[in-house]
Amino acid sequence: MSQEKVLIVEDEENERTGLAEIISSWGYRADTARDGVEGYEKVTSWSPSVVVTDLKMPRMDGMELLERIGENGALKVVVVTAQGTIDSAVQAMRIGAYDYITKPIDTNRLRTILQNATALLGAQVELEVTRRKLRDTGSLGTLVGGSGKMQEIFRLIELVAPSTASVLITGASGTGKELVARTIHELSPRRPRTFVAINCAAIPETLIESEIFGHEKGAFTGALERRTGCFELAEGGTLLLDEIGEMPVATQAKLLRVLEDRKLRRLGSKVETTVDVRVLAATNKVPEEAVARGELRNDLYYRLNVFNIHMPMLREHKEDIPALVEFLLKDMSAKHGRKVAAVSEAVLNSFQAYSWPGNVRELRNTLERAVIVCEGSVVETKHLPPDFGRAAVRPSSGDPDAVHLGVGTTVREAEKMLILKTLESTSNNKTRAAEILGISLKTLHNKLKEYGSAVDDKDEPAETM
């Protein structure tokens, strides 16, 4: 039984004493406070591990209490809020709350929150080892980089990982958004449980609800048996919704309800199932623009964007290329049973000069090919793809591959010209063109359908990076 201290801050006496009795019965040492003022005094004198505080209280409310004790990283604060004030809970998590729970309190949910929060105390030593590794090697899990941009990302990951806050990860395709999500999971108390990633752009609209929420047998034509959705598969762990901007708006509304109520209903079921899942989301779109276009619900964006991490383009932190090359060569060499240890100076110079439209994913794919064809221990320029370094669209007016835009060209016309020219430069390889353009494959298909363009289908499975 745990002997961790839990402080309940609540102005309603019956609720305060009732919670204290329940929490004590779970093996915790519980104490109470009537408001934020008394609560803050007990935080400093009694040193609890977790504070469970109501938001609405006289003298000092829960938000002010959270702000006062927010700098104590070892102390976890759980806010209690009414059903109609979820926005306040989201704001509380933005300023440092560990989690929130709505009234009337689901005691099973509260017990899980307390178990996860106190489990973090035992993970502090492991996290400090990770921090030392970060300072010594410039890496965090499978993320690599000593540049200022990457160090800031590492700092944000370390900050948000121990909490249960939702995180919106933004950035162009191939910048490593899924790696960020996996690293957050690995540094959280949910690490022993499942990490599930689903690409919303890769699932037909007719199936996405079933994939996410599950369905019962007979829920629709072809539903021959019960299916467990991604939320239930990730129970107790972390769910990444990749390319959230490609999710149908109707499904987004159902997702929002699950995020707020922590309950879902499989398609065709009349029973609600409680879920304990941390949700992370990623998109290669500019979220505000997606909201303006009606592709992303504003309320869902607000709920997911409790914490934001933006991944930069590789060309924005080229100083990390040598470290990335070293890391990826080790990975690729082990994967393919090779002993390639380095790249030549000429190769590294060409890497530094290239703009990397496909970002780290393109660097990985380039090195993987080089490792496969290299017979020695050093990658030379001859081992690079024949078309390496040739940009899909060049600005030079004398270049036959250039896109020429005259005054009066509409944005739609310019977009169409750019997409079709990029497709032409990739020999109609849509997957490659989508990477260069920084859009999803689904978006590219939709654009081509608008244009009525008939191009050869040479899609290849994209490697996650």
Protein backbone atom coordinates (compact mmCIF):
# COMPACT_ATOMS: atom_id res chain seq x y z
CA MET A 1 0.00 0.00 0.00
CA SER A 2 1.24 3.48 -0.83
CA GLN A 3 2.15 5.88 1.95
CA GLU A 4 2.35 8.93 -0.31
CA LYS A 5 0.68 12.08 1.03
CA VAL A 6 -2.41 13.45 -0.73
CA LEU A 7 -3.88 16.84 0.17
CA ILE A 8 -7.57 17.52 -0.63
CA VAL A 9 -8.43 21.21 -0.98
CA GLU A 10 -12.22 21.68 -1.09
CA ASP A 11 -14.55 24.24 0.49
CA GLU A 12 -17.55 21.85 0.73
CA GLU A 13 -17.08 19.94 4.00
CA ASN A 14 -18.97 16.78 3.02
CA GLU A 15 -17.06 16.43 -0.24
CA ARG A 16 -13.77 17.20 1.49
CA THR A 17 -14.15 14.62 4.24
CA GLY A 18 -15.69 12.05 1.89
CA LEU A 19 -12.75 12.27 -0.51
CA ALA A 20 -10.27 12.04 2.36
CA GLU A 21 -11.91 8.85 3.62
CA ILE A 22 -11.91 7.25 0.15
CA ILE A 23 -8.30 8.18 -0.59
CA SER A 24 -7.19 6.96 2.86
CA SER A 25 -8.89 3.61 2.18
CA TRP A 26 -6.59 3.22 -0.86
CA GLY A 27 -3.55 3.37 1.42
CA TYR A 28 -2.56 7.02 1.00
CA ARG A 29 -1.98 9.47 3.87
CA ALA A 30 -4.72 12.05 3.33
CA ASP A 31 -5.19 15.50 4.78
CA THR A 32 -7.61 18.31 3.96
CA ALA A 33 -7.81 22.09 3.58
CA ARG A 34 -10.88 24.34 3.37
CA ASP A 35 -9.58 26.71 0.67
CA GLY A 36 -6.50 27.71 -1.29
CA VAL A 37 -5.00 29.76 1.52
CA GLU A 38 -5.08 26.88 3.98
CA GLY A 39 -4.08 24.53 1.19
CA TYR A 40 -0.95 26.51 0.37
CA GLU A 41 0.03 26.55 4.05
CA LYS A 42 -0.22 22.76 4.22
CA VAL A 43 1.69 22.36 0.98
CA THR A 44 4.64 24.16 2.56
CA SER A 45 4.34 22.57 6.03
CA TRP A 46 3.15 19.01 5.24
CA SER A 47 4.85 18.48 1.81
CA PRO A 48 2.26 16.28 0.05
CA SER A 49 3.09 14.34 -3.12
CA VAL A 50 -0.28 15.13 -4.76
CA VAL A 51 -2.79 17.93 -4.30
CA VAL A 52 -6.41 17.37 -5.35
CA THR A 53 -8.02 20.82 -5.48
CA ASP A 54 -11.37 22.25 -6.47
CA LEU A 55 -11.20 25.24 -8.80
CA LYS A 56 -14.02 27.31 -7.28
CA MET A 57 -13.23 28.30 -3.67
CA PRO A 58 -13.31 31.46 -1.51
CA ARG A 59 -10.22 33.48 -0.51
CA MET A 60 -7.89 31.66 -2.94
CA ASP A 61 -9.26 29.51 -5.78
CA GLY A 62 -7.67 26.43 -7.25
CA MET A 63 -6.12 28.29 -10.19
CA GLU A 64 -4.24 30.71 -7.93
CA LEU A 65 -3.15 27.82 -5.71
CA LEU A 66 -1.83 26.01 -8.77
CA GLU A 67 0.11 29.10 -9.89
CA ARG A 68 1.69 29.48 -6.43
CA ILE A 69 2.89 25.90 -6.20
CA GLY A 70 3.46 25.37 -9.92
CA GLU A 71 7.24 25.75 -9.66
CA ASN A 72 7.49 22.65 -7.46
CA GLY A 73 8.06 20.02 -10.16
CA ALA A 74 7.88 17.09 -7.74
CA LEU A 75 4.35 18.02 -6.61
CA LYS A 76 1.47 16.89 -8.84
CA VAL A 77 -1.75 18.93 -8.85
CA VAL A 78 -5.08 17.40 -9.91
CA VAL A 79 -7.88 19.93 -10.43
CA VAL A 80 -11.55 19.14 -9.87
CA THR A 81 -14.01 20.95 -12.11
CA ALA A 82 -17.72 20.96 -12.93
CA GLN A 83 -18.91 19.41 -16.20
CA GLY A 84 -19.57 22.80 -17.78
CA THR A 85 -16.13 24.26 -17.07
CA ILE A 86 -13.78 21.98 -19.01
CA ASP A 87 -12.10 25.06 -20.48
CA SER A 88 -10.92 25.99 -16.99
CA ALA A 89 -9.39 22.55 -16.56
CA VAL A 90 -7.59 22.85 -19.90
CA GLN A 91 -6.23 26.24 -18.82
CA ALA A 92 -5.10 24.73 -15.52
CA MET A 93 -3.14 22.04 -17.37
CA ARG A 94 -1.49 24.71 -19.49
CA ILE A 95 -0.06 26.31 -16.38
CA GLY A 96 1.12 23.07 -14.82
CA ALA A 97 -1.70 20.85 -13.52
CA TYR A 98 -0.95 17.14 -13.79
CA ASP A 99 -4.54 16.15 -14.66
CA TYR A 100 -8.17 17.06 -14.09
CA ILE A 101 -11.35 15.25 -13.11
CA THR A 102 -14.97 16.38 -13.40
CA LYS A 103 -17.75 16.37 -10.84
CA PRO A 104 -19.38 14.12 -9.80
CA ILE A 105 -16.02 12.45 -9.23
CA ASP A 106 -15.50 9.03 -10.76
CA THR A 107 -13.56 7.35 -7.93
CA ASN A 108 -12.06 4.70 -10.24
CA ARG A 109 -10.75 7.45 -12.48
CA LEU A 110 -9.36 9.37 -9.47
CA ARG A 111 -7.61 6.26 -8.17
CA THR A 112 -5.93 5.74 -11.56
CA ILE A 113 -4.80 9.37 -11.62
CA LEU A 114 -3.28 9.08 -8.16
CA GLN A 115 -1.52 5.83 -9.06
CA ASN A 116 -0.02 7.41 -12.19
CA ALA A 117 0.97 10.60 -10.37
CA THR A 118 2.72 8.80 -7.53
CA ALA A 119 4.40 6.41 -9.98
CA LEU A 120 6.25 9.44 -11.32
CA LEU A 121 8.10 9.79 -8.02
CA GLY A 122 9.84 6.49 -8.62
CA ALA A 123 10.67 7.53 -12.18
CA GLN A 124 12.55 10.68 -11.17
CA VAL A 125 15.92 8.88 -11.00
CA GLU A 126 15.45 7.38 -14.48
CA LEU A 127 14.42 10.77 -15.84
CA GLU A 128 17.54 12.39 -14.38
CA VAL A 129 19.68 9.76 -16.13
CA THR A 130 17.91 10.68 -19.37
CA ARG A 131 18.59 14.37 -18.74
CA ARG A 132 22.29 13.69 -18.21
CA LYS A 133 22.40 11.71 -21.44
CA LEU A 134 20.72 14.63 -23.19
CA ARG A 135 23.34 17.06 -21.88
CA ASP A 136 26.24 14.72 -22.73
CA THR A 137 25.20 13.39 -26.14
CA GLY A 138 22.69 15.84 -27.58
CA SER A 139 20.06 13.12 -27.99
CA LEU A 140 16.75 12.23 -26.40
CA GLY A 141 15.58 8.73 -27.21
CA THR A 142 15.69 8.47 -31.00
CA LEU A 143 15.67 12.24 -31.42
CA VAL A 144 19.08 13.73 -32.20
CA GLY A 145 20.33 17.31 -32.30
CA GLY A 146 22.56 19.72 -30.46
CA SER A 147 21.23 22.86 -32.15
CA GLY A 148 19.31 25.48 -30.23
CA LYS A 149 16.06 24.50 -31.97
CA MET A 150 16.37 20.83 -31.04
CA GLN A 151 17.52 21.58 -27.50
CA GLU A 152 14.38 23.67 -26.99
CA ILE A 153 12.27 20.78 -28.28
CA PHE A 154 14.01 18.42 -25.85
CA ARG A 155 13.28 20.86 -23.02
CA LEU A 156 9.59 20.97 -23.93
CA ILE A 157 9.38 17.18 -24.15
CA GLU A 158 10.96 16.79 -20.70
CA LEU A 159 8.54 19.38 -19.33
CA VAL A 160 5.32 17.89 -20.71
CA ALA A 161 6.09 14.15 -20.68
CA PRO A 162 5.37 13.50 -16.96
CA SER A 163 1.90 15.09 -17.17
CA THR A 164 -1.26 13.80 -18.83
CA ALA A 165 -1.70 16.94 -20.95
CA SER A 166 -2.64 16.61 -24.60
CA VAL A 167 0.09 17.73 -26.98
CA LEU A 168 -0.29 19.02 -30.53
CA ILE A 169 2.86 18.33 -32.56
CA THR A 170 3.15 20.41 -35.71
CA GLY A 171 5.64 20.52 -38.56
CA ALA A 172 6.18 19.48 -42.17
CA SER A 173 6.19 15.85 -43.26
CA GLY A 174 9.34 13.98 -42.33
CA THR A 175 10.44 16.27 -39.50
CA GLY A 176 10.01 13.59 -36.81
CA LYS A 177 6.61 14.29 -35.27
CA GLU A 178 5.93 10.64 -34.44
CA LEU A 179 9.36 10.34 -32.83
CA VAL A 180 8.44 13.24 -30.55
CA ALA A 181 5.22 11.46 -29.59
CA ARG A 182 7.03 8.20 -28.86
CA THR A 183 9.63 10.02 -26.76
CA ILE A 184 6.90 11.73 -24.72
CA HIS A 185 5.38 8.29 -24.08
CA GLU A 186 8.75 6.80 -23.12
CA LEU A 187 9.38 9.57 -20.56
CA SER A 188 5.92 9.31 -19.00
CA PRO A 189 4.53 6.98 -16.31
CA ARG A 190 2.57 5.32 -19.13
CA ARG A 191 5.78 3.88 -20.55
CA PRO A 192 5.01 0.26 -19.49
CA ARG A 193 1.70 0.41 -21.39
CA THR A 194 0.93 0.53 -25.10
CA PHE A 195 1.78 3.30 -27.55
CA VAL A 196 -0.64 3.29 -30.50
CA ALA A 197 -0.24 5.50 -33.58
CA ILE A 198 -2.92 5.93 -36.22
CA ASN A 199 -2.60 7.96 -39.43
CA CYS A 200 -5.94 9.68 -40.05
CA ALA A 201 -4.97 10.45 -43.66
CA ALA A 202 -4.45 6.78 -44.51
CA ILE A 203 -7.89 5.53 -43.45
CA PRO A 204 -11.03 5.90 -45.62
CA GLU A 205 -13.65 8.20 -44.11
CA THR A 206 -16.13 5.30 -43.93
CA LEU A 207 -13.82 3.30 -41.65
CA ILE A 208 -12.11 5.89 -39.47
CA GLU A 209 -14.73 5.91 -36.69
CA SER A 210 -14.53 2.14 -36.43
CA GLU A 211 -10.72 2.28 -36.31
CA ILE A 212 -10.70 4.85 -33.52
CA PHE A 213 -13.74 3.91 -31.42
CA GLY A 214 -14.34 0.29 -32.42
CA HIS A 215 -17.62 -1.37 -33.40
CA GLU A 216 -19.98 -4.14 -32.41
CA LYS A 217 -20.87 -7.11 -34.59
CA GLY A 218 -23.54 -6.08 -37.08
CA ALA A 219 -23.02 -2.35 -36.54
CA PHE A 220 -22.82 -1.88 -40.31
CA THR A 221 -22.54 -3.95 -43.47
CA GLY A 222 -19.39 -6.02 -43.25
CA ALA A 223 -19.09 -5.79 -39.46
CA LEU A 224 -18.91 -9.54 -38.96
CA GLU A 225 -17.42 -9.40 -35.48
CA ARG A 226 -16.71 -6.98 -32.66
CA ARG A 227 -13.67 -4.76 -33.27
CA THR A 228 -11.64 -3.02 -30.58
CA GLY A 229 -10.77 0.56 -31.52
CA CYS A 230 -7.50 2.40 -31.02
CA PHE A 231 -8.66 4.04 -27.79
CA GLU A 232 -9.26 0.69 -26.12
CA LEU A 233 -6.06 -0.77 -27.58
CA ALA A 234 -4.14 2.10 -25.97
CA GLU A 235 -5.85 1.73 -22.57
CA GLY A 236 -3.53 3.02 -19.88
CA GLY A 237 -1.06 4.16 -22.52
CA THR A 238 -0.74 6.78 -25.24
CA LEU A 239 -2.61 7.30 -28.52
CA LEU A 240 -1.12 9.38 -31.34
CA LEU A 241 -3.62 10.73 -33.89
CA ASP A 242 -1.33 11.58 -36.79
CA GLU A 243 -2.54 14.02 -39.47
CA ILE A 244 -5.47 15.05 -37.27
CA GLY A 245 -6.41 17.69 -39.87
CA GLU A 246 -7.45 14.90 -42.25
CA MET A 247 -10.02 13.48 -39.82
CA PRO A 248 -13.64 14.06 -40.94
CA VAL A 249 -15.27 16.90 -39.01
CA ALA A 250 -18.11 14.64 -37.78
CA THR A 251 -15.55 12.25 -36.27
CA GLN A 252 -13.74 15.20 -34.71
CA ALA A 253 -16.92 16.04 -32.75
CA LYS A 254 -17.07 12.51 -31.34
CA LEU A 255 -13.37 12.62 -30.51
CA LEU A 256 -13.84 15.87 -28.58
CA ARG A 257 -16.52 14.26 -26.43
CA VAL A 258 -14.23 11.31 -25.60
CA LEU A 259 -11.44 13.71 -24.65
CA GLU A 260 -13.70 15.62 -22.29
CA ASP A 261 -15.74 12.76 -20.78
CA ARG A 262 -13.09 10.00 -20.94
CA LYS A 263 -15.87 7.71 -22.18
CA LEU A 264 -16.60 6.24 -25.60
CA ARG A 265 -19.27 4.17 -27.27
CA ARG A 266 -18.38 1.63 -29.94
CA LEU A 267 -20.36 1.90 -33.17
CA GLY A 268 -23.56 -0.08 -32.73
CA SER A 269 -23.27 -0.21 -28.92
CA LYS A 270 -25.54 1.32 -26.29
CA VAL A 271 -22.93 0.97 -23.53
CA GLU A 272 -20.33 3.61 -22.70
CA THR A 273 -16.82 2.45 -21.86
CA THR A 274 -14.48 4.49 -19.63
CA VAL A 275 -11.01 4.90 -21.11
CA ASP A 276 -7.74 6.08 -19.60
CA VAL A 277 -5.68 7.18 -22.58
CA ARG A 278 -3.33 10.09 -23.13
CA VAL A 279 -3.99 11.61 -26.54
CA LEU A 280 -1.28 13.25 -28.64
CA ALA A 281 -2.01 14.70 -32.08
CA ALA A 282 0.16 15.68 -35.03
CA THR A 283 -0.40 17.61 -38.23
CA ASN A 284 1.67 18.92 -41.12
CA LYS A 285 -0.84 21.74 -41.60
CA VAL A 286 -0.79 25.16 -39.95
CA PRO A 287 -3.54 24.51 -37.35
CA GLU A 288 -4.93 28.03 -37.38
CA GLU A 289 -5.28 27.90 -41.16
CA ALA A 290 -6.94 24.47 -40.97
CA VAL A 291 -9.42 25.89 -38.45
CA ALA A 292 -10.12 28.87 -40.72
CA ARG A 293 -10.77 26.52 -43.66
CA GLY A 294 -13.15 24.40 -41.57
CA GLU A 295 -10.89 21.33 -41.74
CA LEU A 296 -10.21 21.31 -38.00
CA ARG A 297 -12.83 22.10 -35.38
CA ASN A 298 -11.87 25.11 -33.29
CA ASP A 299 -13.00 23.48 -30.03
CA LEU A 300 -11.02 20.31 -30.79
CA TYR A 301 -7.95 22.38 -31.66
CA TYR A 302 -8.26 24.22 -28.35
CA ARG A 303 -8.61 20.93 -26.46
CA LEU A 304 -5.65 19.26 -28.19
CA ASN A 305 -3.40 22.30 -28.12
CA VAL A 306 -2.92 22.26 -24.35
CA PHE A 307 0.77 22.05 -25.20
CA ASN A 308 2.37 22.67 -28.60
CA ILE A 309 5.67 21.39 -29.98
CA HIS A 310 6.68 22.57 -33.44
CA MET A 311 9.25 20.54 -35.38
CA PRO A 312 11.51 22.64 -37.64
CA MET A 313 12.42 21.81 -41.22
CA LEU A 314 15.81 20.12 -41.50
CA ARG A 315 17.15 23.04 -43.52
CA GLU A 316 16.45 25.24 -40.47
CA HIS A 317 18.91 23.30 -38.27
CA LYS A 318 21.55 21.98 -40.68
CA GLU A 319 24.15 22.05 -37.90
CA ASP A 320 22.49 18.83 -36.67
CA ILE A 321 23.16 16.95 -39.93
CA PRO A 322 26.55 15.45 -38.86
CA ALA A 323 25.05 14.04 -35.65
CA LEU A 324 21.99 12.79 -37.51
CA VAL A 325 24.17 11.12 -40.13
CA GLU A 326 26.21 9.35 -37.44
CA PHE A 327 23.08 8.15 -35.64
CA LEU A 328 21.29 7.01 -38.81
CA LEU A 329 24.35 5.22 -40.19
CA LYS A 330 24.57 3.11 -37.03
CA ASP A 331 20.86 2.33 -37.27
CA MET A 332 20.94 1.48 -40.99
CA SER A 333 24.14 -0.55 -40.73
CA ALA A 334 22.69 -2.68 -37.94
CA LYS A 335 19.42 -3.07 -39.84
CA HIS A 336 21.11 -4.32 -43.03
CA GLY A 337 24.11 -6.11 -41.52
CA ARG A 338 26.68 -3.64 -42.88
CA LYS A 339 29.75 -1.99 -41.37
CA VAL A 340 29.35 1.50 -42.80
CA ALA A 341 30.80 3.90 -40.24
CA ALA A 342 30.97 7.32 -41.90
CA VAL A 343 30.34 9.48 -44.96
CA SER A 344 33.03 11.22 -46.96
CA GLU A 345 33.68 14.93 -46.63
CA ALA A 346 32.25 15.44 -50.12
CA VAL A 347 29.02 13.68 -49.14
CA LEU A 348 28.71 15.68 -45.94
CA ASN A 349 29.29 18.91 -47.89
CA SER A 350 26.58 17.97 -50.36
CA PHE A 351 24.24 17.19 -47.48
CA GLN A 352 24.92 20.61 -45.96
CA ALA A 353 24.27 22.32 -49.30
CA TYR A 354 20.99 20.49 -49.99
CA SER A 355 17.62 21.95 -48.92
CA TRP A 356 16.09 18.61 -47.81
CA PRO A 357 12.44 19.13 -48.82
CA GLY A 358 11.64 15.69 -47.36
CA ASN A 359 13.40 16.58 -44.09
CA VAL A 360 14.85 13.91 -41.77
CA ARG A 361 12.82 11.18 -43.47
CA GLU A 362 14.51 12.02 -46.78
CA LEU A 363 17.93 12.00 -45.08
CA ARG A 364 17.15 8.60 -43.58
CA ASN A 365 15.99 7.15 -46.90
CA THR A 366 19.05 8.57 -48.69
CA LEU A 367 21.43 7.03 -46.15
CA GLU A 368 19.61 3.71 -46.15
CA ARG A 369 20.07 3.38 -49.90
CA ALA A 370 23.71 4.41 -49.58
CA VAL A 371 24.36 1.82 -46.86
CA ILE A 372 22.83 -0.92 -49.01
CA VAL A 373 24.94 -0.13 -52.10
CA CYS A 374 28.14 0.76 -50.23
CA GLU A 375 30.67 -2.09 -50.19
CA GLY A 376 33.16 -0.38 -47.87
CA SER A 377 32.99 1.49 -44.60
CA VAL A 378 32.59 5.04 -45.99
CA VAL A 379 29.71 6.40 -48.07
CA GLU A 380 30.95 8.23 -51.17
CA THR A 381 29.04 10.47 -53.57
CA LYS A 382 28.70 7.54 -56.02
CA HIS A 383 26.55 5.77 -53.43
CA LEU A 384 23.94 8.55 -53.37
CA PRO A 385 20.82 8.38 -55.56
CA PRO A 386 21.51 9.54 -59.15
CA ASP A 387 19.06 12.43 -58.83
CA PHE A 388 20.18 13.51 -55.34
CA GLY A 389 20.28 17.27 -54.90
CA ARG A 390 18.03 18.05 -57.82
CA ALA A 391 15.23 20.22 -56.49
CA ALA A 392 11.74 19.53 -57.70
CA VAL A 393 11.09 23.18 -58.56
CA ARG A 394 13.88 25.70 -59.13
CA PRO A 395 13.46 29.47 -59.06
CA SER A 396 15.82 30.20 -61.97
CA SER A 397 13.92 31.70 -64.89
CA GLY A 398 16.29 29.95 -67.29
CA ASP A 399 15.55 26.52 -65.87
CA PRO A 400 13.15 24.48 -68.02
CA ASP A 401 11.82 22.86 -64.84
CA ALA A 402 10.92 26.21 -63.28
CA VAL A 403 7.36 27.26 -62.53
CA HIS A 404 6.68 30.65 -64.13
CA LEU A 405 4.02 32.78 -62.47
CA GLY A 406 2.82 35.88 -64.24
CA VAL A 407 1.02 38.82 -62.71
CA GLY A 408 -2.64 37.93 -62.47
CA THR A 409 -2.03 34.24 -61.70
CA THR A 410 -4.50 33.13 -59.03
CA VAL A 411 -3.44 31.24 -55.93
CA ARG A 412 -5.38 28.19 -57.17
CA GLU A 413 -3.61 28.30 -60.54
CA ALA A 414 -0.20 28.71 -58.88
CA GLU A 415 -0.92 25.79 -56.56
CA LYS A 416 -1.96 23.60 -59.47
CA MET A 417 1.15 24.49 -61.49
CA LEU A 418 3.43 23.75 -58.54
CA ILE A 419 1.80 20.39 -57.78
CA LEU A 420 1.83 19.20 -61.39
CA LYS A 421 5.42 20.34 -61.96
CA THR A 422 6.52 18.54 -58.79
CA LEU A 423 4.75 15.38 -59.95
CA GLU A 424 6.50 15.68 -63.30
CA SER A 425 9.91 16.00 -61.61
CA THR A 426 9.25 12.83 -59.55
CA SER A 427 8.04 10.82 -62.57
CA ASN A 428 4.52 10.91 -61.13
CA ASN A 429 5.56 9.32 -57.85
CA LYS A 430 2.81 10.77 -55.66
CA THR A 431 4.33 9.69 -52.36
CA ARG A 432 7.60 11.46 -53.16
CA ALA A 433 5.78 14.52 -54.53
CA ALA A 434 3.66 14.80 -51.37
CA GLU A 435 6.82 14.71 -49.22
CA ILE A 436 8.45 17.47 -51.29
CA LEU A 437 5.31 19.61 -51.19
CA GLY A 438 4.90 19.08 -47.44
CA ILE A 439 1.33 17.76 -47.73
CA SER A 440 -0.27 14.40 -47.03
CA LEU A 441 -0.80 11.83 -49.76
CA LYS A 442 -4.54 12.08 -49.21
CA THR A 443 -4.45 15.85 -49.76
CA LEU A 444 -2.47 15.37 -52.97
CA HIS A 445 -5.02 12.87 -54.29
CA ASN A 446 -7.84 15.28 -53.45
CA LYS A 447 -6.07 18.11 -55.30
CA LEU A 448 -5.53 15.95 -58.37
CA LYS A 449 -9.19 14.97 -58.33
CA GLU A 450 -10.07 18.69 -58.33
CA TYR A 451 -7.79 19.27 -61.29
CA GLY A 452 -9.13 16.23 -63.14
CA SER A 453 -5.52 15.14 -63.65
CA ALA A 454 -4.88 11.56 -64.78
CA VAL A 455 -1.36 10.58 -63.79
CA ASP A 456 0.21 7.16 -63.40
CA ASP A 457 -0.24 5.71 -59.91
CA LYS A 458 3.25 5.00 -58.66
CA ASP A 459 2.61 5.42 -54.94
CA GLU A 460 5.07 3.71 -52.67
CA PRO A 461 4.64 2.98 -48.96
CA ALA A 462 6.06 5.92 -47.02
CA GLU A 463 8.43 5.18 -44.16
CA THR A 464 7.44 6.72 -40.85
CA MET A 465 9.92 9.21 -39.46
